[in-house]
Amino acid sequence: MKRVTKLLDFVKMRFGYTADFSFKVPYTRNQIASFTGLRVETIIRAIRKMELDGKLLIKEGKIYYQFLFLLLTEGLPIY
């Protein structure tokens, strides 16, 4: 789940979104799997867990990401 969160944090930041659930993820689950080096099944489980944890919202099959989670909690550089 950490790889998925880092990817979504990075992409949301690059697109300049700051409000909760304002960012519609422009990638399919297959593309996210390819970007992170994980299997599609793992991405599906991670996304489901993130939804249950309240970190993202799935509406009509589209993923809306909530906030910059790992970049803020791990002190990673924000570009």
PDB file of N, CA and C in Angstrom:
ATOM      1  N   MET A   1       0.826  -1.191   0.000  1.00  0.00           N
ATOM      2  CA  MET A   1       0.000   0.000   0.000  1.00  0.00           C
ATOM      3  C   MET A   1       0.868   1.252   0.000  1.00  0.00           C
ATOM      4  N   LYS A   2       2.060   1.137   0.542  1.00  0.00           N
ATOM      5  CA  LYS A   2       2.943   2.292   0.630  1.00  0.00           C
ATOM      6  C   LYS A   2       3.339   2.805  -0.755  1.00  0.00           C
ATOM      7  N   ARG A   3       3.621   1.896  -1.676  1.00  0.00           N
ATOM      8  CA  ARG A   3       3.992   2.313  -3.033  1.00  0.00           C
ATOM      9  C   ARG A   3       2.848   3.042  -3.721  1.00  0.00           C
ATOM     10  N   VAL A   4       1.647   2.539  -3.527  1.00  0.00           N
ATOM     11  CA  VAL A   4       0.465   3.156  -4.144  1.00  0.00           C
ATOM     12  C   VAL A   4       0.262   4.555  -3.558  1.00  0.00           C
ATOM     13  N   THR A   5       0.374   4.677  -2.244  1.00  0.00           N
ATOM     14  CA  THR A   5       0.197   5.968  -1.589  1.00  0.00           C
ATOM     15  C   THR A   5       1.249   6.966  -2.056  1.00  0.00           C
ATOM     16  N   LYS A   6       2.481   6.520  -2.164  1.00  0.00           N
ATOM     17  CA  LYS A   6       3.546   7.422  -2.630  1.00  0.00           C
ATOM     18  C   LYS A   6       3.278   7.899  -4.053  1.00  0.00           C
ATOM     19  N   LEU A   7       2.850   6.980  -4.920  1.00  0.00           N
ATOM     20  CA  LEU A   7       2.544   7.346  -6.298  1.00  0.00           C
ATOM     21  C   LEU A   7       1.407   8.365  -6.343  1.00  0.00           C
ATOM     22  N   LEU A   8       0.327   8.087  -5.620  1.00  0.00           N
ATOM     23  CA  LEU A   8      -0.825   8.993  -5.638  1.00  0.00           C
ATOM     24  C   LEU A   8      -0.489  10.345  -5.023  1.00  0.00           C
ATOM     25  N   ASP A   9       0.316  10.345  -3.955  1.00  0.00           N
ATOM     26  CA  ASP A   9       0.765  11.604  -3.361  1.00  0.00           C
ATOM     27  C   ASP A   9       1.538  12.427  -4.388  1.00  0.00           C
ATOM     28  N   PHE A  10       2.474  11.775  -5.062  1.00  0.00           N
ATOM     29  CA  PHE A  10       3.320  12.470  -6.023  1.00  0.00           C
ATOM     30  C   PHE A  10       2.494  13.047  -7.176  1.00  0.00           C
ATOM     31  N   VAL A  11       1.597  12.227  -7.736  1.00  0.00           N
ATOM     32  CA  VAL A  11       0.802  12.670  -8.880  1.00  0.00           C
ATOM     33  C   VAL A  11      -0.147  13.791  -8.476  1.00  0.00           C
ATOM     34  N   LYS A  12      -0.780  13.663  -7.313  1.00  0.00           N
ATOM     35  CA  LYS A  12      -1.704  14.710  -6.856  1.00  0.00           C
ATOM     36  C   LYS A  12      -0.959  16.023  -6.665  1.00  0.00           C
ATOM     37  N   MET A  13       0.229  15.953  -6.084  1.00  0.00           N
ATOM     38  CA  MET A  13       1.020  17.150  -5.853  1.00  0.00           C
ATOM     39  C   MET A  13       1.426  17.789  -7.188  1.00  0.00           C
ATOM     40  N   ARG A  14       1.851  16.973  -8.140  1.00  0.00           N
ATOM     41  CA  ARG A  14       2.282  17.480  -9.447  1.00  0.00           C
ATOM     42  C   ARG A  14       1.147  18.166 -10.196  1.00  0.00           C
ATOM     43  N   PHE A  15      -0.069  17.658 -10.045  1.00  0.00           N
ATOM     44  CA  PHE A  15      -1.215  18.271 -10.696  1.00  0.00           C
ATOM     45  C   PHE A  15      -1.719  19.497  -9.928  1.00  0.00           C
ATOM     46  N   GLY A  16      -1.239  19.711  -8.706  1.00  0.00           N
ATOM     47  CA  GLY A  16      -1.570  20.904  -7.942  1.00  0.00           C
ATOM     48  C   GLY A  16      -2.874  20.860  -7.175  1.00  0.00           C
ATOM     49  N   TYR A  17      -3.383  19.695  -6.884  1.00  0.00           N
ATOM     50  CA  TYR A  17      -4.622  19.577  -6.121  1.00  0.00           C
ATOM     51  C   TYR A  17      -4.308  19.560  -4.627  1.00  0.00           C
ATOM     52  N   THR A  18      -5.133  20.252  -3.845  1.00  0.00           N
ATOM     53  CA  THR A  18      -4.907  20.268  -2.403  1.00  0.00           C
ATOM     54  C   THR A  18      -6.143  19.880  -1.598  1.00  0.00           C
ATOM     55  N   ALA A  19      -7.325  20.073  -2.129  1.00  0.00           N
ATOM     56  CA  ALA A  19      -8.550  19.773  -1.385  1.00  0.00           C
ATOM     57  C   ALA A  19      -8.790  18.266  -1.327  1.00  0.00           C
ATOM     58  N   ASP A  20      -9.390  17.816  -0.229  1.00  0.00           N
ATOM     59  CA  ASP A  20      -9.707  16.401  -0.058  1.00  0.00           C
ATOM     60  C   ASP A  20     -10.635  15.915  -1.160  1.00  0.00           C
ATOM     61  N   PHE A  21     -10.303  14.752  -1.706  1.00  0.00           N
ATOM     62  CA  PHE A  21     -11.086  14.075  -2.741  1.00  0.00           C
ATOM     63  C   PHE A  21     -11.298  14.927  -3.987  1.00  0.00           C
ATOM     64  N   SER A  22     -10.467  15.932  -4.203  1.00  0.00           N
ATOM     65  CA  SER A  22     -10.592  16.769  -5.391  1.00  0.00           C
ATOM     66  C   SER A  22      -9.852  16.180  -6.580  1.00  0.00           C
ATOM     67  N   PHE A  23      -8.971  15.230  -6.326  1.00  0.00           N
ATOM     68  CA  PHE A  23      -8.118  14.682  -7.372  1.00  0.00           C
ATOM     69  C   PHE A  23      -8.648  13.357  -7.881  1.00  0.00           C
ATOM     70  N   LYS A  24      -9.087  13.340  -9.137  1.00  0.00           N
ATOM     71  CA  LYS A  24      -9.520  12.094  -9.772  1.00  0.00           C
ATOM     72  C   LYS A  24      -8.285  11.460 -10.395  1.00  0.00           C
ATOM     73  N   VAL A  25      -7.930  10.280  -9.949  1.00  0.00           N
ATOM     74  CA  VAL A  25      -6.727   9.595 -10.418  1.00  0.00           C
ATOM     75  C   VAL A  25      -6.887   9.277 -11.908  1.00  0.00           C
ATOM     76  N   PRO A  26      -5.956   9.773 -12.742  1.00  0.00           N
ATOM     77  CA  PRO A  26      -6.116   9.601 -14.194  1.00  0.00           C
ATOM     78  C   PRO A  26      -5.610   8.263 -14.730  1.00  0.00           C
ATOM     79  N   TYR A  27      -5.290   7.336 -13.856  1.00  0.00           N
ATOM     80  CA  TYR A  27      -4.706   6.061 -14.276  1.00  0.00           C
ATOM     81  C   TYR A  27      -5.626   4.893 -13.938  1.00  0.00           C
ATOM     82  N   THR A  28      -5.523   3.841 -14.746  1.00  0.00           N
ATOM     83  CA  THR A  28      -6.260   2.615 -14.464  1.00  0.00           C
ATOM     84  C   THR A  28      -5.490   1.813 -13.417  1.00  0.00           C
ATOM     85  N   ARG A  29      -6.135   0.814 -12.880  1.00  0.00           N
ATOM     86  CA  ARG A  29      -5.464  -0.040 -11.910  1.00  0.00           C
ATOM     87  C   ARG A  29      -4.287  -0.765 -12.564  1.00  0.00           C
ATOM     88  N   ASN A  30      -4.429  -1.128 -13.831  1.00  0.00           N
ATOM     89  CA  ASN A  30      -3.329  -1.764 -14.560  1.00  0.00           C
ATOM     90  C   ASN A  30      -2.136  -0.827 -14.678  1.00  0.00           C
ATOM     91  N   GLN A  31      -2.391   0.431 -14.975  1.00  0.00           N
ATOM     92  CA  GLN A  31      -1.305   1.401 -15.086  1.00  0.00           C
ATOM     93  C   GLN A  31      -0.620   1.629 -13.744  1.00  0.00           C
ATOM     94  N   ILE A  32      -1.404   1.713 -12.678  1.00  0.00           N
ATOM     95  CA  ILE A  32      -0.833   1.882 -11.339  1.00  0.00           C
ATOM     96  C   ILE A  32       0.049   0.686 -11.003  1.00  0.00           C
ATOM     97  N   ALA A  33      -0.396  -0.516 -11.358  1.00  0.00           N
ATOM     98  CA  ALA A  33       0.407  -1.719 -11.124  1.00  0.00           C
ATOM     99  C   ALA A  33       1.722  -1.641 -11.892  1.00  0.00           C
ATOM    100  N   SER A  34       1.662  -1.187 -13.114  1.00  0.00           N
ATOM    101  CA  SER A  34       2.871  -1.065 -13.926  1.00  0.00           C
ATOM    102  C   SER A  34       3.829  -0.028 -13.339  1.00  0.00           C
ATOM    103  N   PHE A  35       3.310   1.105 -12.900  1.00  0.00           N
ATOM    104  CA  PHE A  35       4.142   2.169 -12.329  1.00  0.00           C
ATOM    105  C   PHE A  35       4.837   1.726 -11.043  1.00  0.00           C
ATOM    106  N   THR A  36       4.145   0.938 -10.241  1.00  0.00           N
ATOM    107  CA  THR A  36       4.662   0.568  -8.924  1.00  0.00           C
ATOM    108  C   THR A  36       5.407  -0.768  -8.917  1.00  0.00           C
ATOM    109  N   GLY A  37       5.284  -1.536  -9.992  1.00  0.00           N
ATOM    110  CA  GLY A  37       5.931  -2.841 -10.038  1.00  0.00           C
ATOM    111  C   GLY A  37       5.184  -3.908  -9.256  1.00  0.00           C
ATOM    112  N   LEU A  38       3.924  -3.651  -8.961  1.00  0.00           N
ATOM    113  CA  LEU A  38       3.097  -4.605  -8.226  1.00  0.00           C
ATOM    114  C   LEU A  38       2.117  -5.281  -9.173  1.00  0.00           C
ATOM    115  N   ARG A  39       1.535  -6.374  -8.734  1.00  0.00           N
ATOM    116  CA  ARG A  39       0.524  -7.069  -9.534  1.00  0.00           C
ATOM    117  C   ARG A  39      -0.812  -6.324  -9.415  1.00  0.00           C
ATOM    118  N   VAL A  40      -1.637  -6.469 -10.422  1.00  0.00           N
ATOM    119  CA  VAL A  40      -2.943  -5.803 -10.434  1.00  0.00           C
ATOM    120  C   VAL A  40      -3.774  -6.235  -9.235  1.00  0.00           C
ATOM    121  N   GLU A  41      -3.708  -7.496  -8.869  1.00  0.00           N
ATOM    122  CA  GLU A  41      -4.467  -8.000  -7.719  1.00  0.00           C
ATOM    123  C   GLU A  41      -4.047  -7.289  -6.441  1.00  0.00           C
ATOM    124  N   THR A  42      -2.760  -7.037  -6.309  1.00  0.00           N
ATOM    125  CA  THR A  42      -2.248  -6.330  -5.131  1.00  0.00           C
ATOM    126  C   THR A  42      -2.745  -4.894  -5.121  1.00  0.00           C
ATOM    127  N   ILE A  43      -2.781  -4.258  -6.282  1.00  0.00           N
ATOM    128  CA  ILE A  43      -3.277  -2.881  -6.388  1.00  0.00           C
ATOM    129  C   ILE A  43      -4.745  -2.830  -6.000  1.00  0.00           C
ATOM    130  N   ILE A  44      -5.517  -3.783  -6.470  1.00  0.00           N
ATOM    131  CA  ILE A  44      -6.949  -3.818  -6.144  1.00  0.00           C
ATOM    132  C   ILE A  44      -7.152  -3.957  -4.640  1.00  0.00           C
ATOM    133  N   ARG A  45      -6.391  -4.842  -3.999  1.00  0.00           N
ATOM    134  CA  ARG A  45      -6.501  -5.003  -2.541  1.00  0.00           C
ATOM    135  C   ARG A  45      -6.068  -3.734  -1.810  1.00  0.00           C
ATOM    136  N   ALA A  46      -4.984  -3.117  -2.265  1.00  0.00           N
ATOM    137  CA  ALA A  46      -4.490  -1.894  -1.619  1.00  0.00           C
ATOM    138  C   ALA A  46      -5.500  -0.764  -1.756  1.00  0.00           C
ATOM    139  N   ILE A  47      -6.084  -0.624  -2.940  1.00  0.00           N
ATOM    140  CA  ILE A  47      -7.074   0.435  -3.158  1.00  0.00           C
ATOM    141  C   ILE A  47      -8.308   0.202  -2.296  1.00  0.00           C
ATOM    142  N   ARG A  48      -8.736  -1.040  -2.187  1.00  0.00           N
ATOM    143  CA  ARG A  48      -9.900  -1.374  -1.345  1.00  0.00           C
ATOM    144  C   ARG A  48      -9.609  -1.035   0.119  1.00  0.00           C
ATOM    145  N   LYS A  49      -8.410  -1.382   0.595  1.00  0.00           N
ATOM    146  CA  LYS A  49      -8.031  -1.074   1.976  1.00  0.00           C
ATOM    147  C   LYS A  49      -7.951   0.436   2.202  1.00  0.00           C
ATOM    148  N   MET A  50      -7.395   1.153   1.234  1.00  0.00           N
ATOM    149  CA  MET A  50      -7.310   2.611   1.351  1.00  0.00           C
ATOM    150  C   MET A  50      -8.702   3.243   1.384  1.00  0.00           C
ATOM    151  N   GLU A  51      -9.632   2.663   0.626  1.00  0.00           N
ATOM    152  CA  GLU A  51     -11.007   3.167   0.654  1.00  0.00           C
ATOM    153  C   GLU A  51     -11.635   2.926   2.028  1.00  0.00           C
ATOM    154  N   LEU A  52     -11.423   1.738   2.573  1.00  0.00           N
ATOM    155  CA  LEU A  52     -11.970   1.423   3.894  1.00  0.00           C
ATOM    156  C   LEU A  52     -11.339   2.288   4.983  1.00  0.00           C
ATOM    157  N   ASP A  53     -10.064   2.665   4.799  1.00  0.00           N
ATOM    158  CA  ASP A  53      -9.369   3.536   5.753  1.00  0.00           C
ATOM    159  C   ASP A  53      -9.723   5.010   5.568  1.00  0.00           C
ATOM    160  N   GLY A  54     -10.483   5.335   4.519  1.00  0.00           N
ATOM    161  CA  GLY A  54     -10.894   6.715   4.284  1.00  0.00           C
ATOM    162  C   GLY A  54      -9.867   7.562   3.559  1.00  0.00           C
ATOM    163  N   LYS A  55      -8.868   6.927   2.941  1.00  0.00           N
ATOM    164  CA  LYS A  55      -7.820   7.678   2.244  1.00  0.00           C
ATOM    165  C   LYS A  55      -8.195   8.000   0.807  1.00  0.00           C
ATOM    166  N   LEU A  56      -9.156   7.275   0.269  1.00  0.00           N
ATOM    167  CA  LEU A  56      -9.635   7.581  -1.070  1.00  0.00           C
ATOM    168  C   LEU A  56     -11.097   7.205  -1.191  1.00  0.00           C
ATOM    169  N   LEU A  57     -11.698   7.645  -2.270  1.00  0.00           N
ATOM    170  CA  LEU A  57     -13.112   7.423  -2.517  1.00  0.00           C
ATOM    171  C   LEU A  57     -13.244   6.815  -3.904  1.00  0.00           C
ATOM    172  N   ILE A  58     -14.067   5.787  -4.038  1.00  0.00           N
ATOM    173  CA  ILE A  58     -14.333   5.208  -5.350  1.00  0.00           C
ATOM    174  C   ILE A  58     -15.782   5.531  -5.691  1.00  0.00           C
ATOM    175  N   LYS A  59     -15.941   6.262  -6.786  1.00  0.00           N
ATOM    176  CA  LYS A  59     -17.269   6.707  -7.206  1.00  0.00           C
ATOM    177  C   LYS A  59     -17.413   6.399  -8.686  1.00  0.00           C
ATOM    178  N   GLU A  60     -18.383   5.560  -9.027  1.00  0.00           N
ATOM    179  CA  GLU A  60     -18.641   5.140 -10.405  1.00  0.00           C
ATOM    180  C   GLU A  60     -17.384   4.589 -11.073  1.00  0.00           C
ATOM    181  N   GLY A  61     -16.599   3.821 -10.315  1.00  0.00           N
ATOM    182  CA  GLY A  61     -15.409   3.191 -10.851  1.00  0.00           C
ATOM    183  C   GLY A  61     -14.187   4.086 -10.948  1.00  0.00           C
ATOM    184  N   LYS A  62     -14.323   5.341 -10.570  1.00  0.00           N
ATOM    185  CA  LYS A  62     -13.205   6.292 -10.597  1.00  0.00           C
ATOM    186  C   LYS A  62     -12.664   6.476  -9.190  1.00  0.00           C
ATOM    187  N   ILE A  63     -11.347   6.652  -9.103  1.00  0.00           N
ATOM    188  CA  ILE A  63     -10.688   6.800  -7.808  1.00  0.00           C
ATOM    189  C   ILE A  63     -10.438   8.280  -7.538  1.00  0.00           C
ATOM    190  N   TYR A  64     -10.890   8.753  -6.381  1.00  0.00           N
ATOM    191  CA  TYR A  64     -10.638  10.123  -5.938  1.00  0.00           C
ATOM    192  C   TYR A  64      -9.765  10.039  -4.694  1.00  0.00           C
ATOM    193  N   TYR A  65      -8.596  10.651  -4.789  1.00  0.00           N
ATOM    194  CA  TYR A  65      -7.619  10.553  -3.703  1.00  0.00           C
ATOM    195  C   TYR A  65      -7.792  11.712  -2.743  1.00  0.00           C
ATOM    196  N   GLN A  66      -7.609  11.413  -1.450  1.00  0.00           N
ATOM    197  CA  GLN A  66      -7.905  12.407  -0.427  1.00  0.00           C
ATOM    198  C   GLN A  66      -6.797  13.413  -0.180  1.00  0.00           C
ATOM    199  N   PHE A  67      -5.635  12.980   0.245  1.00  0.00           N
ATOM    200  CA  PHE A  67      -4.661  13.949   0.726  1.00  0.00           C
ATOM    201  C   PHE A  67      -3.232  13.465   0.584  1.00  0.00           C
ATOM    202  N   LEU A  68      -2.288  14.378   0.815  1.00  0.00           N
ATOM    203  CA  LEU A  68      -0.867  14.039   0.755  1.00  0.00           C
ATOM    204  C   LEU A  68      -0.483  13.375   2.062  1.00  0.00           C
ATOM    205  N   PHE A  69      -0.527  12.061   2.091  1.00  0.00           N
ATOM    206  CA  PHE A  69      -0.335  11.326   3.334  1.00  0.00           C
ATOM    207  C   PHE A  69       1.135  11.041   3.623  1.00  0.00           C
ATOM    208  N   LEU A  70       1.810  10.289   2.774  1.00  0.00           N
ATOM    209  CA  LEU A  70       3.191   9.888   3.068  1.00  0.00           C
ATOM    210  C   LEU A  70       4.175  11.041   2.955  1.00  0.00           C
ATOM    211  N   LEU A  71       3.944  11.952   2.035  1.00  0.00           N
ATOM    212  CA  LEU A  71       4.876  13.069   1.892  1.00  0.00           C
ATOM    213  C   LEU A  71       4.911  13.918   3.154  1.00  0.00           C
ATOM    214  N   LEU A  72       3.794  14.006   3.829  1.00  0.00           N
ATOM    215  CA  LEU A  72       3.740  14.818   5.042  1.00  0.00           C
ATOM    216  C   LEU A  72       4.205  14.045   6.272  1.00  0.00           C
ATOM    217  N   THR A  73       3.907  12.755   6.339  1.00  0.00           N
ATOM    218  CA  THR A  73       4.239  11.990   7.541  1.00  0.00           C
ATOM    219  C   THR A  73       5.668  11.469   7.544  1.00  0.00           C
ATOM    220  N   GLU A  74       6.265  11.281   6.370  1.00  0.00           N
ATOM    221  CA  GLU A  74       7.614  10.738   6.320  1.00  0.00           C
ATOM    222  C   GLU A  74       8.666  11.807   6.061  1.00  0.00           C
ATOM    223  N   GLY A  75       8.241  13.044   5.886  1.00  0.00           N
ATOM    224  CA  GLY A  75       9.188  14.110   5.669  1.00  0.00           C
ATOM    225  C   GLY A  75       9.896  14.037   4.332  1.00  0.00           C
ATOM    226  N   LEU A  76       9.273  13.417   3.347  1.00  0.00           N
ATOM    227  CA  LEU A  76       9.874  13.356   2.025  1.00  0.00           C
ATOM    228  C   LEU A  76       9.822  14.730   1.370  1.00  0.00           C
ATOM    229  N   PRO A  77      10.767  15.024   0.491  1.00  0.00           N
ATOM    230  CA  PRO A  77      10.780  16.350  -0.126  1.00  0.00           C
ATOM    231  C   PRO A  77       9.550  16.588  -0.992  1.00  0.00           C
ATOM    232  N   ILE A  78       9.010  17.769  -0.913  1.00  0.00           N
ATOM    233  CA  ILE A  78       7.872  18.160  -1.747  1.00  0.00           C
ATOM    234  C   ILE A  78       8.406  19.123  -2.787  1.00  0.00           C
ATOM    235  N   TYR A  79       8.283  18.744  -4.036  1.00  0.00           N
ATOM    236  CA  TYR A  79       8.835  19.549  -5.130  1.00  0.00           C
ATOM    237  C   TYR A  79       7.839  20.560  -5.633  1.00  0.00           C
TER     238      TYR A  79
END
